[in-house]
C-alpha atoms as a PDB file:
ATOM      1  CA  MET A   1     -96.267  87.495-124.057  1.00  0.00           C
ATOM      2  CA  PHE A   2     -96.501  90.940-125.796  1.00  0.00           C
ATOM      3  CA  THR A   3     -99.082  93.389-126.684  1.00  0.00           C
ATOM      4  CA  TYR A   4     -98.780  94.008-130.307  1.00  0.00           C
ATOM      5  CA  PRO A   5     -99.058  97.577-132.278  1.00  0.00           C
ATOM      6  CA  PRO A   6    -102.621  97.856-133.484  1.00  0.00           C
ATOM      7  CA  HIS A   7    -101.303  98.393-136.892  1.00  0.00           C
ATOM      8  CA  ALA A   8     -99.849  95.347-137.070  1.00  0.00           C
ATOM      9  CA  LEU A   9    -102.797  93.247-136.543  1.00  0.00           C
ATOM     10  CA  VAL A  10    -103.836  90.905-139.926  1.00  0.00           C
ATOM     11  CA  ASN A  11    -106.307  88.759-138.307  1.00  0.00           C
ATOM     12  CA  ARG A  12    -106.684  86.628-140.900  1.00  0.00           C
ATOM     13  CA  THR A  13    -107.865  82.507-140.460  1.00  0.00           C
ATOM     14  CA  ILE A  14    -105.473  80.379-142.343  1.00  0.00           C
ATOM     15  CA  PRO A  15    -106.894  77.213-143.956  1.00  0.00           C
ATOM     16  CA  LYS A  16    -105.682  74.364-143.287  1.00  0.00           C
ATOM     17  CA  SER A  17    -105.285  73.130-147.355  1.00  0.00           C
ATOM     18  CA  ARG A  18    -102.614  76.006-147.428  1.00  0.00           C
ATOM     19  CA  ILE A  19    -100.497  74.300-144.256  1.00  0.00           C
ATOM     20  CA  PHE A  20    -100.914  71.186-145.471  1.00  0.00           C
ATOM     21  CA  SER A  21     -99.717  71.998-149.720  1.00  0.00           C
ATOM     22  CA  ALA A  22     -96.763  73.553-148.273  1.00  0.00           C
ATOM     23  CA  ALA A  23     -95.654  71.144-145.503  1.00  0.00           C
ATOM     24  CA  LYS A  24     -96.893  68.107-147.278  1.00  0.00           C
ATOM     25  CA  PRO A  25     -97.069  66.138-143.627  1.00  0.00           C
ATOM     26  CA  SER A  26     -97.991  62.827-142.935  1.00  0.00           C
ATOM     27  CA  THR A  27    -101.295  61.123-142.427  1.00  0.00           C
ATOM     28  CA  ARG A  28    -100.533  61.186-139.025  1.00  0.00           C
ATOM     29  CA  ILE A  29    -100.010  65.321-138.609  1.00  0.00           C
ATOM     30  CA  ARG A  30    -103.050  65.741-140.918  1.00  0.00           C
ATOM     31  CA  ASN A  31    -104.994  63.407-138.439  1.00  0.00           C
ATOM     32  CA  LEU A  32    -103.622  65.483-135.624  1.00  0.00           C
ATOM     33  CA  PHE A  33    -104.082  68.767-136.798  1.00  0.00           C
ATOM     34  CA  THR A  34    -107.197  68.181-138.007  1.00  0.00           C
ATOM     35  CA  SER A  35    -108.589  66.508-134.197  1.00  0.00           C
ATOM     36  CA  GLN A  36    -106.475  69.158-132.039  1.00  0.00           C
ATOM     37  CA  VAL A  37    -106.543  72.659-133.811  1.00  0.00           C
ATOM     38  CA  SER A  38    -109.866  74.443-134.300  1.00  0.00           C
ATOM     39  CA  GLU A  39    -108.465  77.821-136.095  1.00  0.00           C
ATOM     40  CA  LEU A  40    -105.070  78.970-136.851  1.00  0.00           C
ATOM     41  CA  VAL A  41    -105.462  82.736-137.006  1.00  0.00           C
ATOM     42  CA  TRP A  42    -102.366  85.259-139.071  1.00  0.00           C
ATOM     43  CA  LYS A  43    -102.301  87.501-135.992  1.00  0.00           C
ATOM     44  CA  TYR A  44     -99.983  90.270-136.663  1.00  0.00           C
ATOM     45  CA  LYS A  45     -96.841  90.926-139.148  1.00  0.00           C
ATOM     46  CA  LEU A  46     -93.874  92.741-137.821  1.00  0.00           C
ATOM     47  CA  SER A  47     -92.490  94.448-140.311  1.00  0.00           C
ATOM     48  CA  PRO A  48     -90.427  97.461-140.741  1.00  0.00           C
ATOM     49  CA  ASP A  49     -93.813  99.135-141.675  1.00  0.00           C
ATOM     50  CA  THR A  50     -96.242  98.235-138.623  1.00  0.00           C
ATOM     51  CA  VAL A  51     -93.346  98.362-135.683  1.00  0.00           C
ATOM     52  CA  ASN A  52     -91.080 100.804-137.862  1.00  0.00           C
ATOM     53  CA  LEU A  53     -87.840  98.554-137.492  1.00  0.00           C
ATOM     54  CA  PRO A  54     -85.591  98.056-140.003  1.00  0.00           C
ATOM     55  CA  ALA A  55     -85.202  94.727-141.874  1.00  0.00           C
ATOM     56  CA  ALA A  56     -81.921  92.769-141.688  1.00  0.00           C
ATOM     57  CA  PRO A  57     -80.273  90.193-144.234  1.00  0.00           C
ATOM     58  CA  GLY A  58     -82.700  87.424-144.502  1.00  0.00           C
ATOM     59  CA  LEU A  59     -84.889  88.772-142.291  1.00  0.00           C
ATOM     60  CA  ASP A  60     -87.979  91.665-143.712  1.00  0.00           C
ATOM     61  CA  GLU A  61     -90.902  89.706-141.207  1.00  0.00           C
ATOM     62  CA  ILE A  62     -91.727  88.110-137.777  1.00  0.00           C
ATOM     63  CA  GLN A  63     -95.490  86.998-138.194  1.00  0.00           C
ATOM     64  CA  ILE A  64     -97.474  86.146-134.782  1.00  0.00           C
ATOM     65  CA  PHE A  65     -99.745  83.074-135.175  1.00  0.00           C
ATOM     66  CA  GLU A  66    -102.517  82.242-133.088  1.00  0.00           C
ATOM     67  CA  ILE A  67    -103.996  78.887-132.789  1.00  0.00           C
ATOM     68  CA  THR A  68    -107.370  77.827-131.243  1.00  0.00           C
ATOM     69  CA  CYS A  69    -107.358  74.174-129.697  1.00  0.00           C
ATOM     70  CA  LYS A  70    -110.107  71.871-129.974  1.00  0.00           C
ATOM     71  CA  SER A  71    -109.946  70.264-126.779  1.00  0.00           C
ATOM     72  CA  THR A  72    -109.514  71.350-123.218  1.00  0.00           C
ATOM     73  CA  THR A  73    -108.412  67.673-122.132  1.00  0.00           C
ATOM     74  CA  GLY A  74    -105.454  66.199-120.643  1.00  0.00           C
ATOM     75  CA  PRO A  75    -103.282  67.407-117.409  1.00  0.00           C
ATOM     76  CA  GLU A  76    -102.607  70.945-117.543  1.00  0.00           C
ATOM     77  CA  ASN A  77    -103.949  70.836-121.252  1.00  0.00           C
ATOM     78  CA  GLN A  78    -100.903  69.235-122.289  1.00  0.00           C
ATOM     79  CA  ASP A  79    -102.282  67.297-125.074  1.00  0.00           C
ATOM     80  CA  VAL A  80    -104.435  69.664-126.352  1.00  0.00           C
ATOM     81  CA  LEU A  81    -101.725  70.412-129.520  1.00  0.00           C
ATOM     82  CA  HIS A  82     -98.655  67.996-130.236  1.00  0.00           C
ATOM     83  CA  GLU A  83     -95.556  69.676-130.474  1.00  0.00           C
ATOM     84  CA  ASP A  84     -94.959  68.338-133.913  1.00  0.00           C
ATOM     85  CA  VAL A  85     -98.169  70.198-135.701  1.00  0.00           C
ATOM     86  CA  LEU A  86     -96.639  73.294-134.065  1.00  0.00           C
ATOM     87  CA  ARG A  87     -93.130  72.136-135.972  1.00  0.00           C
ATOM     88  CA  THR A  88     -95.375  71.747-139.296  1.00  0.00           C
ATOM     89  CA  ILE A  89     -97.061  74.995-139.376  1.00  0.00           C
ATOM     90  CA  ASP A  90     -93.593  76.335-138.744  1.00  0.00           C
ATOM     91  CA  LYS A  91     -92.174  74.552-141.642  1.00  0.00           C
ATOM     92  CA  ALA A  92     -95.057  75.714-143.955  1.00  0.00           C
ATOM     93  CA  ILE A  93     -94.562  79.387-143.269  1.00  0.00           C
ATOM     94  CA  PRO A  94     -90.766  80.857-144.290  1.00  0.00           C
ATOM     95  CA  SER A  95     -91.590  83.523-141.773  1.00  0.00           C
ATOM     96  CA  ARG A  96     -89.949  83.148-138.481  1.00  0.00           C
ATOM     97  CA  ILE A  97     -93.238  82.438-136.364  1.00  0.00           C
ATOM     98  CA  CYS A  98     -94.263  83.346-132.419  1.00  0.00           C
ATOM     99  CA  PHE A  99     -97.239  81.382-131.897  1.00  0.00           C
ATOM    100  CA  GLU A 100     -99.940  81.984-128.980  1.00  0.00           C
ATOM    101  CA  ILE A 101    -101.732  78.861-128.342  1.00  0.00           C
ATOM    102  CA  LEU A 102    -105.296  79.095-127.037  1.00  0.00           C
ATOM    103  CA  SER A 103    -107.180  76.414-124.907  1.00  0.00           C
ATOM    104  CA  GLY A 104    -110.171  77.034-122.848  1.00  0.00           C
ATOM    105  CA  PRO A 105    -109.036  79.618-120.268  1.00  0.00           C
ATOM    106  CA  SER A 106    -105.584  78.749-120.800  1.00  0.00           C
ATOM    107  CA  LEU A 107    -102.985  80.305-123.036  1.00  0.00           C
ATOM    108  CA  ARG A 108     -99.254  79.553-123.615  1.00  0.00           C
ATOM    109  CA  TYR A 109     -96.572  80.932-126.132  1.00  0.00           C
ATOM    110  CA  ALA A 110     -94.360  78.834-128.172  1.00  0.00           C
ATOM    111  CA  ALA A 111     -91.255  79.438-130.815  1.00  0.00           C
ATOM    112  CA  ALA A 112     -88.701  77.884-132.101  1.00  0.00           C
ATOM    113  CA  PHE A 113     -85.722  79.384-134.206  1.00  0.00           C
ATOM    114  CA  LYS A 114     -85.988  79.345-137.721  1.00  0.00           C
ATOM    115  CA  ARG A 115     -83.660  80.229-140.227  1.00  0.00           C
ATOM    116  CA  PRO A 116     -83.582  79.650-144.574  1.00  0.00           C
ATOM    117  CA  SER A 117     -81.626  76.411-145.472  1.00  0.00           C
ATOM    118  CA  GLU A 118     -78.002  76.656-147.107  1.00  0.00           C
ATOM    119  CA  THR A 119     -79.590  74.608-150.256  1.00  0.00           C
ATOM    120  CA  ASP A 120     -82.578  75.613-150.440  1.00  0.00           C
ATOM    121  CA  PRO A 121     -84.204  78.872-148.863  1.00  0.00           C
ATOM    122  CA  ALA A 122     -87.762  77.554-149.378  1.00  0.00           C
ATOM    123  CA  LYS A 123     -87.251  74.973-147.113  1.00  0.00           C
ATOM    124  CA  PRO A 124     -86.425  76.789-143.276  1.00  0.00           C
ATOM    125  CA  VAL A 125     -84.240  74.864-140.665  1.00  0.00           C
ATOM    126  CA  LEU A 126     -86.037  74.434-137.436  1.00  0.00           C
ATOM    127  CA  GLY A 127     -84.523  74.175-134.446  1.00  0.00           C
ATOM    128  CA  ASP A 128     -86.336  73.482-131.056  1.00  0.00           C
ATOM    129  CA  VAL A 129     -89.343  74.337-129.766  1.00  0.00           C
ATOM    130  CA  PHE A 130     -89.608  76.186-126.972  1.00  0.00           C
ATOM    131  CA  LEU A 131     -93.012  76.097-124.869  1.00  0.00           C
ATOM    132  CA  THR A 132     -94.330  78.566-122.226  1.00  0.00           C
ATOM    133  CA  PRO A 133     -96.120  76.876-119.150  1.00  0.00           C
ATOM    134  CA  TRP A 134    -100.274  77.407-119.237  1.00  0.00           C
ATOM    135  CA  GLN A 135    -101.637  80.934-117.604  1.00  0.00           C
ATOM    136  CA  PRO A 136    -104.978  82.400-117.548  1.00  0.00           C
ATOM    137  CA  LEU A 137    -105.833  84.067-120.903  1.00  0.00           C
ATOM    138  CA  GLN A 138    -106.110  87.166-119.681  1.00  0.00           C
ATOM    139  CA  THR A 139    -102.763  87.804-118.556  1.00  0.00           C
ATOM    140  CA  ARG A 140    -102.273  88.663-122.427  1.00  0.00           C
ATOM    141  CA  GLU A 141    -104.347  91.686-121.226  1.00  0.00           C
ATOM    142  CA  THR A 142    -101.354  92.939-119.325  1.00  0.00           C
ATOM    143  CA  ALA A 143     -98.852  91.876-121.758  1.00  0.00           C
ATOM    144  CA  PRO A 144     -95.984  94.460-122.213  1.00  0.00           C
ATOM    145  CA  PRO A 145     -95.458  96.371-125.024  1.00  0.00           C
ATOM    146  CA  LEU A 146     -92.338  95.379-127.320  1.00  0.00           C
ATOM    147  CA  PRO A 147     -88.926  95.512-126.221  1.00  0.00           C
ATOM    148  CA  LEU A 148     -86.534  98.275-128.161  1.00  0.00           C
ATOM    149  CA  THR A 149     -84.516  97.138-130.437  1.00  0.00           C
ATOM    150  CA  LEU A 150     -82.528  98.369-133.398  1.00  0.00           C
ATOM    151  CA  ASN A 151     -83.660  96.358-135.923  1.00  0.00           C
ATOM    152  CA  LEU A 152     -85.844  93.163-137.089  1.00  0.00           C
ATOM    153  CA  ALA A 153     -82.621  90.492-136.080  1.00  0.00           C
ATOM    154  CA  ALA A 154     -82.643  91.991-132.873  1.00  0.00           C
ATOM    155  CA  LEU A 155     -86.546  91.892-132.351  1.00  0.00           C
ATOM    156  CA  TYR A 156     -86.381  88.262-133.250  1.00  0.00           C
ATOM    157  CA  ALA A 157     -83.559  87.324-130.645  1.00  0.00           C
ATOM    158  CA  GLU A 158     -85.495  89.039-128.071  1.00  0.00           C
ATOM    159  CA  LEU A 159     -88.320  87.053-128.555  1.00  0.00           C
ATOM    160  CA  LEU A 160     -86.254  84.086-128.806  1.00  0.00           C
ATOM    161  CA  GLN A 161     -84.744  84.786-125.600  1.00  0.00           C
ATOM    162  CA  ARG A 162     -88.268  85.708-123.399  1.00  0.00           C
ATOM    163  CA  HIS A 163     -89.270  82.125-124.618  1.00  0.00           C
ATOM    164  CA  ILE A 164     -86.442  80.397-123.802  1.00  0.00           C
ATOM    165  CA  ALA A 165     -86.517  82.021-120.379  1.00  0.00           C
ATOM    166  CA  ALA A 166     -90.244  81.878-119.391  1.00  0.00           C
ATOM    167  CA  SER A 167     -89.956  77.692-120.961  1.00  0.00           C
ATOM    168  CA  PRO A 168     -89.530  75.318-118.281  1.00  0.00           C
ATOM    169  CA  LEU A 169     -85.116  75.747-119.036  1.00  0.00           C
ATOM    170  CA  GLN A 170     -85.653  78.772-117.469  1.00  0.00           C
ATOM    171  CA  LEU A 171     -82.592  79.804-119.334  1.00  0.00           C
ATOM    172  CA  THR A 172     -81.515  83.822-119.526  1.00  0.00           C
ATOM    173  CA  ALA A 173     -79.027  84.897-121.979  1.00  0.00           C
ATOM    174  CA  ARG A 174     -75.565  85.658-119.796  1.00  0.00           C
ATOM    175  CA  PRO A 175     -74.341  89.356-120.398  1.00  0.00           C
ATOM    176  CA  GLY A 176     -72.688  89.430-124.223  1.00  0.00           C
ATOM    177  CA  GLU A 177     -74.036  86.115-125.127  1.00  0.00           C
ATOM    178  CA  THR A 178     -75.294  85.931-128.724  1.00  0.00           C
ATOM    179  CA  LEU A 179     -78.962  84.075-129.633  1.00  0.00           C
ATOM    180  CA  GLU A 180     -76.956  81.235-131.150  1.00  0.00           C
ATOM    181  CA  THR A 181     -75.202  80.681-127.951  1.00  0.00           C
ATOM    182  CA  LEU A 182     -77.862  80.478-125.999  1.00  0.00           C
ATOM    183  CA  LEU A 183     -79.546  78.072-128.138  1.00  0.00           C
ATOM    184  CA  ASP A 184     -76.617  75.932-128.574  1.00  0.00           C
ATOM    185  CA  ARG A 185     -76.102  76.337-123.940  1.00  0.00           C
ATOM    186  CA  ALA A 186     -80.082  75.003-124.529  1.00  0.00           C
ATOM    187  CA  ALA A 187     -79.311  72.142-125.869  1.00  0.00           C
ATOM    188  CA  ALA A 188     -76.626  71.108-123.685  1.00  0.00           C
ATOM    189  CA  VAL A 189     -79.380  71.718-120.944  1.00  0.00           C
ATOM    190  CA  ARG A 190     -82.129  70.180-122.391  1.00  0.00           C
ATOM    191  CA  ALA A 191     -79.380  67.122-123.328  1.00  0.00           C
ATOM    192  CA  GLN A 192     -78.077  67.095-119.411  1.00  0.00           C
ATOM    193  CA  LEU A 193     -82.103  67.137-118.042  1.00  0.00           C
ATOM    194  CA  ARG A 194     -82.337  63.697-119.582  1.00  0.00           C
ATOM    195  CA  GLU A 195     -79.467  62.439-118.645  1.00  0.00           C
ATOM    196  CA  CYS A 196     -80.308  63.270-114.981  1.00  0.00           C
ATOM    197  CA  ARG A 197     -83.539  62.174-115.151  1.00  0.00           C
ATOM    198  CA  ARG A 198     -81.981  58.529-116.298  1.00  0.00           C
ATOM    199  CA  LEU A 199     -79.493  58.531-113.764  1.00  0.00           C
ATOM    200  CA  GLU A 200     -82.257  58.861-110.989  1.00  0.00           C
ATOM    201  CA  VAL A 201     -84.573  56.280-112.879  1.00  0.00           C
ATOM    202  CA  ALA A 202     -81.633  54.060-112.683  1.00  0.00           C
ATOM    203  CA  LEU A 203     -80.983  54.576-109.422  1.00  0.00           C
ATOM    204  CA  LYS A 204     -84.515  53.665-107.608  1.00  0.00           C
ATOM    205  CA  ARG A 205     -84.181  50.487-109.757  1.00  0.00           C
ATOM    206  CA  GLU A 206     -80.767  49.856-108.565  1.00  0.00           C
ATOM    207  CA  ILE A 207     -81.082  47.116-105.299  1.00  0.00           C
ATOM    208  CA  GLN A 208     -76.722  46.584-105.422  1.00  0.00           C
ATOM    209  CA  PHE A 209     -75.294  49.090-102.810  1.00  0.00           C
ATOM    210  CA  ASN A 210     -72.189  49.681-104.251  1.00  0.00           C
ATOM    211  CA  ARG A 211     -74.144  50.457-107.809  1.00  0.00           C
ATOM    212  CA  LYS A 212     -76.170  52.733-105.724  1.00  0.00           C
ATOM    213  CA  VAL A 213     -73.079  54.468-104.707  1.00  0.00           C
ATOM    214  CA  GLN A 214     -71.812  55.084-108.278  1.00  0.00           C
ATOM    215  CA  LEU A 215     -74.733  56.586-109.235  1.00  0.00           C
ATOM    216  CA  ASN A 216     -75.307  58.913-106.096  1.00  0.00           C
ATOM    217  CA  ALA A 217     -71.813  60.310-107.195  1.00  0.00           C
ATOM    218  CA  GLN A 218     -72.504  60.610-111.211  1.00  0.00           C
ATOM    219  CA  LEU A 219     -75.878  62.189-110.442  1.00  0.00           C
ATOM    220  CA  ARG A 220     -74.576  64.652-108.200  1.00  0.00           C
ATOM    221  CA  GLN A 221     -71.895  64.968-110.949  1.00  0.00           C
ATOM    222  CA  ALA A 222     -74.436  65.151-113.389  1.00  0.00           C
ATOM    223  CA  ASN A 223     -76.150  68.121-111.290  1.00  0.00           C
ATOM    224  CA  ALA A 224     -73.285  70.268-110.992  1.00  0.00           C
ATOM    225  CA  ILE A 225     -72.812  70.300-114.562  1.00  0.00           C
ATOM    226  CA  LEU A 226     -76.007  71.086-115.073  1.00  0.00           C
ATOM    227  CA  SER A 227     -76.214  74.218-112.695  1.00  0.00           C
ATOM    228  CA  SER A 228     -73.024  74.899-114.785  1.00  0.00           C
ATOM    229  CA  LEU A 229     -75.149  75.596-117.628  1.00  0.00           C
ATOM    230  CA  ARG A 230     -77.691  76.894-116.322  1.00  0.00           C
ATOM    231  CA  ALA A 231     -75.566  79.927-114.264  1.00  0.00           C
ATOM    232  CA  PRO A 232     -76.917  83.044-115.835  1.00  0.00           C
ATOM    233  CA  LEU A 233     -72.574  84.240-115.364  1.00  0.00           C
ATOM    234  CA  GLU A 234     -69.365  82.263-117.169  1.00  0.00           C
END
């Protein structure tokens, strides 16, 4: 998604034992991790020393992790890395993380909003994961530089906004919209998409004409709400 400064490079492999020790995942997650992840690399560290931006309260580093998947099978590589594996890695590391996921000749990006827990700062609270579509690995070579921001908190907000916009939600921040408000709107869009799909399935299954008319009206209303949520301006 971005080209990172050379002096931000860490390039250090993270053993899965460290993730397991910190996150204490279930046997199911351990098996998924073992079967799906070939290598986990701490690729870059974005900090005051490496990107020349001041830290912000509760945010002094952003990490870029690279995950190489073992498999490239499945339709559009959808099954090569389960979202629960991503969340387990994210929970194991206190810092904010953006992921680059490699699968054969393909690449996708992922990130979830993370904040310290109010009751236990050692246990981060994670929001929804935003995954971009798969793209050719070569696109990473032409990625733009990091956006210009005032501090690491603003950079983190910009990174999350880019992930949300590039995800299938295709949701861009409205003028003056905070990251928190954008995340709330993204959650509302996801919920509304589920409602639209539910109504579409119900409409296909319905055989009574009167009920079909009712479902069509509900679907039109649900789509109108979805369009208003996605609109770039209030």
